[in-house]
Amino acid sequence: MTTLDLAHTVAEHLGTGWRAYTGKAADGSEAHLAGPNDQVLDLFDGTTTGRKTDQGRLIIAGHLGFLRNHVPQDHEQDHKITVDQRKPPDVIAHEIRRRLLPNYEAALHAAWDEKHASDGIAAAREQLAATVAARLGVQRQDQDTDFHFGTVDAGVHGRVCVRPGASDSVFTVRVPHDRVAEFARLLATFGHLP
């Protein structure tokens, strides 16, 4: 029985919403299980690793993909178990539910929460950059949050960097000598606004 064949049977024992699909290996030695809540488990035959300790084992790993970067530090990032390949599919499914899924699903949900929060922060940052650019009369490239304004010929010019989250944004402003006093007066007025 190939790993893919085994995965199809294990999926049935995991319950509603689980399905198996093929992995990259053409020989069927690897497969994937997709779950109802964005879970993806990678399954592969331990004989393919070349390590003696993996011989006769089915290696099952919870896949985080791009979400790995969003897993909070208080959660594990690696979720892997090995099971004797000779065990029946219902026992393998039981081992997955008992030993792998609780920590893997907790990390996966926490990572999605972090990702959605960071998407919200990114959207707010982009909106603020759009507002600043509009007020400065600047056309940004590709929703850039770091852009230049003005020109040397126009006099006042510089760069704006709208930073993520609650970080201060940074303005680098270059002012001609004959307008420095006026700029300082405007800046002092701005600093005292309610």
Protein backbone atom coordinates (compact mmCIF):
# COMPACT_ATOMS: atom_id res chain seq x y z
CA MET A 1 0.00 0.00 0.00
CA THR A 2 1.45 3.41 -0.96
CA THR A 3 1.44 6.37 1.39
CA LEU A 4 -1.23 7.93 -0.79
CA ASP A 5 -3.46 4.84 -0.50
CA LEU A 6 -2.96 4.84 3.27
CA ALA A 7 -3.74 8.58 3.43
CA HIS A 8 -7.09 8.05 1.69
CA THR A 9 -8.09 5.47 4.29
CA VAL A 10 -6.78 7.57 7.21
CA ALA A 11 -8.81 10.55 5.91
CA GLU A 12 -11.98 8.46 6.16
CA HIS A 13 -11.17 7.68 9.81
CA LEU A 14 -10.37 11.31 10.65
CA GLY A 15 -13.95 12.22 9.83
CA THR A 16 -15.99 14.67 7.84
CA GLY A 17 -14.07 17.27 5.88
CA TRP A 18 -10.80 15.36 5.62
CA ARG A 19 -9.47 14.32 2.23
CA ALA A 20 -6.20 12.95 0.86
CA TYR A 21 -4.33 14.13 -2.18
CA THR A 22 -1.06 13.27 -3.83
CA GLY A 23 2.34 14.61 -2.87
CA LYS A 24 5.27 15.49 -5.12
CA ALA A 25 6.77 12.01 -5.20
CA ALA A 26 5.66 10.10 -8.29
CA ASP A 27 6.03 6.76 -6.49
CA GLY A 28 3.21 7.52 -4.01
CA SER A 29 5.60 7.62 -1.03
CA GLU A 30 4.19 10.94 0.11
CA ALA A 31 0.72 12.40 0.40
CA HIS A 32 -1.21 15.19 2.05
CA LEU A 33 -4.30 15.31 4.19
CA ALA A 34 -6.44 18.45 4.05
CA GLY A 35 -8.78 19.12 6.95
CA PRO A 36 -11.97 21.13 7.32
CA ASN A 37 -10.30 24.04 9.17
CA ASP A 38 -7.34 24.83 6.90
CA GLN A 39 -5.30 21.95 8.31
CA VAL A 40 -2.74 20.40 5.97
CA LEU A 41 -0.81 17.35 7.08
CA ASP A 42 2.16 16.05 5.12
CA LEU A 43 2.62 12.26 5.19
CA PHE A 44 5.67 10.45 3.92
CA ASP A 45 7.29 7.10 4.12
CA GLY A 46 10.15 7.14 6.62
CA THR A 47 12.31 4.98 4.38
CA THR A 48 12.77 8.00 2.09
CA THR A 49 14.64 10.02 4.77
CA GLY A 50 17.66 7.73 4.83
CA ARG A 51 17.71 7.65 8.65
CA LYS A 52 17.61 4.25 10.34
CA THR A 53 15.26 5.51 13.05
CA ASP A 54 12.65 6.38 10.40
CA GLN A 55 12.61 2.93 8.78
CA GLY A 56 9.15 1.38 8.92
CA ARG A 57 7.64 4.65 10.16
CA LEU A 58 5.04 6.95 8.68
CA ILE A 59 6.06 10.57 9.29
CA ILE A 60 3.16 13.00 9.69
CA ALA A 61 3.80 16.73 9.93
CA GLY A 62 1.43 19.65 10.36
CA HIS A 63 2.07 22.11 7.54
CA LEU A 64 2.02 25.85 8.38
CA GLY A 65 3.40 27.25 5.11
CA PHE A 66 3.45 31.04 5.00
CA LEU A 67 1.66 31.11 8.37
CA ARG A 68 4.89 29.91 10.04
CA ASN A 69 5.96 33.57 10.22
CA HIS A 70 2.80 34.44 12.14
CA VAL A 71 2.91 31.74 14.83
CA PRO A 72 3.19 33.47 18.23
CA GLN A 73 6.28 32.63 20.26
CA ASP A 74 4.28 30.81 22.93
CA HIS A 75 3.30 28.14 20.36
CA GLU A 76 5.43 25.42 18.82
CA GLN A 77 6.25 25.87 15.16
CA ASP A 78 7.10 22.25 14.35
CA HIS A 79 4.37 19.64 14.62
CA LYS A 80 5.46 16.16 13.69
CA ILE A 81 4.81 12.61 14.82
CA THR A 82 5.89 9.23 13.54
CA VAL A 83 3.71 6.14 13.57
CA ASP A 84 4.50 2.53 12.76
CA GLN A 85 3.43 2.03 9.13
CA ARG A 86 1.99 -1.39 9.96
CA LYS A 87 -0.67 0.07 12.25
CA PRO A 88 -4.19 0.05 10.86
CA PRO A 89 -5.52 3.34 9.40
CA ASP A 90 -8.01 3.86 12.24
CA VAL A 91 -5.18 3.67 14.80
CA ILE A 92 -3.07 6.08 12.75
CA ALA A 93 -6.04 8.48 12.60
CA HIS A 94 -6.44 8.16 16.38
CA GLU A 95 -2.72 8.96 16.87
CA ILE A 96 -3.04 12.02 14.63
CA ARG A 97 -6.06 13.29 16.61
CA ARG A 98 -4.41 12.58 19.97
CA ARG A 99 -0.75 13.48 19.43
CA LEU A 100 -0.61 15.94 16.56
CA LEU A 101 -3.80 17.90 16.02
CA PRO A 102 -4.26 19.63 19.42
CA ASN A 103 -0.97 21.60 19.36
CA TYR A 104 -0.91 21.97 15.59
CA GLU A 105 -4.46 23.36 15.42
CA ALA A 106 -3.77 25.75 18.31
CA ALA A 107 -0.70 27.10 16.48
CA LEU A 108 -2.60 27.27 13.19
CA HIS A 109 -5.50 29.26 14.71
CA ALA A 110 -3.13 31.58 16.57
CA ALA A 111 -1.18 32.15 13.34
CA TRP A 112 -4.38 33.00 11.42
CA ASP A 113 -5.34 35.46 14.20
CA GLU A 114 -1.89 37.11 13.98
CA LYS A 115 -2.09 37.17 10.18
CA HIS A 116 -5.51 38.86 10.21
CA ALA A 117 -4.26 41.38 12.78
CA SER A 118 -1.16 42.11 10.69
CA ASP A 119 -3.36 42.42 7.57
CA GLY A 120 -5.41 45.03 9.43
CA ILE A 121 -2.27 46.88 10.47
CA ALA A 122 -0.96 46.75 6.91
CA ALA A 123 -4.25 48.10 5.55
CA ALA A 124 -4.25 50.95 8.09
CA ARG A 125 -0.63 51.75 7.22
CA GLU A 126 -1.39 51.81 3.51
CA GLN A 127 -4.44 54.04 4.09
CA LEU A 128 -2.39 56.49 6.15
CA ALA A 129 0.31 56.56 3.46
CA ALA A 130 -2.37 57.25 0.82
CA THR A 131 -3.73 60.15 2.90
CA VAL A 132 -0.27 61.66 3.42
CA ALA A 133 0.60 61.26 -0.26
CA ALA A 134 -2.67 62.90 -1.31
CA ARG A 135 -2.05 65.88 0.97
CA LEU A 136 1.47 66.24 -0.43
CA GLY A 137 0.24 65.80 -4.02
CA VAL A 138 2.37 62.70 -4.59
CA GLN A 139 1.63 59.79 -6.90
CA ARG A 140 2.86 56.62 -5.15
CA GLN A 141 4.05 53.46 -6.86
CA ASP A 142 2.24 50.18 -6.01
CA GLN A 143 0.72 51.33 -2.70
CA ASP A 144 4.17 52.32 -1.45
CA THR A 145 4.39 53.38 2.21
CA ASP A 146 7.86 54.83 1.69
CA PHE A 147 7.93 57.59 -0.94
CA HIS A 148 9.51 60.89 -1.97
CA PHE A 149 7.75 64.23 -2.23
CA GLY A 150 8.62 67.49 -3.91
CA THR A 151 11.68 68.13 -6.09
CA VAL A 152 14.96 69.92 -5.67
CA ASP A 153 13.75 72.51 -8.19
CA ALA A 154 10.57 73.13 -6.19
CA GLY A 155 12.54 73.85 -3.04
CA VAL A 156 11.06 71.84 -0.18
CA HIS A 157 11.43 68.12 -0.84
CA GLY A 158 12.13 64.89 1.03
CA ARG A 159 10.98 61.45 1.92
CA VAL A 160 8.12 59.97 3.96
CA CYS A 161 8.16 56.55 5.59
CA VAL A 162 4.86 55.47 7.13
CA ARG A 163 5.90 52.75 9.53
CA PRO A 164 3.82 49.76 10.64
CA GLY A 165 1.74 49.61 13.80
CA ALA A 166 2.08 52.29 16.42
CA SER A 167 5.60 53.26 15.31
CA ASP A 168 6.24 56.90 14.50
CA SER A 169 6.29 57.78 10.82
CA VAL A 170 9.46 59.44 9.57
CA PHE A 171 9.70 62.58 7.46
CA THR A 172 13.04 63.63 6.06
CA VAL A 173 12.55 67.20 4.84
CA ARG A 174 15.06 69.25 2.90
CA VAL A 175 14.42 72.99 2.98
CA PRO A 176 16.29 75.73 1.08
CA HIS A 177 18.25 78.13 3.30
CA ASP A 178 16.05 81.08 2.42
CA ARG A 179 12.95 79.21 3.71
CA VAL A 180 14.39 77.56 6.86
CA ALA A 181 13.08 80.25 9.26
CA GLU A 182 9.60 79.99 7.74
CA PHE A 183 9.69 76.19 7.99
CA ALA A 184 10.83 76.38 11.64
CA ARG A 185 7.93 78.75 12.44
CA LEU A 186 5.42 76.36 10.81
CA LEU A 187 6.93 73.40 12.63
CA ALA A 188 6.74 75.21 15.98
CA THR A 189 3.07 76.05 15.31
CA PHE A 190 2.36 72.44 14.36
CA GLY A 191 4.00 71.21 17.59
CA HIS A 192 1.55 73.26 19.68
CA LEU A 193 -1.65 72.24 17.96
CA PRO A 194 -4.30 70.80 20.37
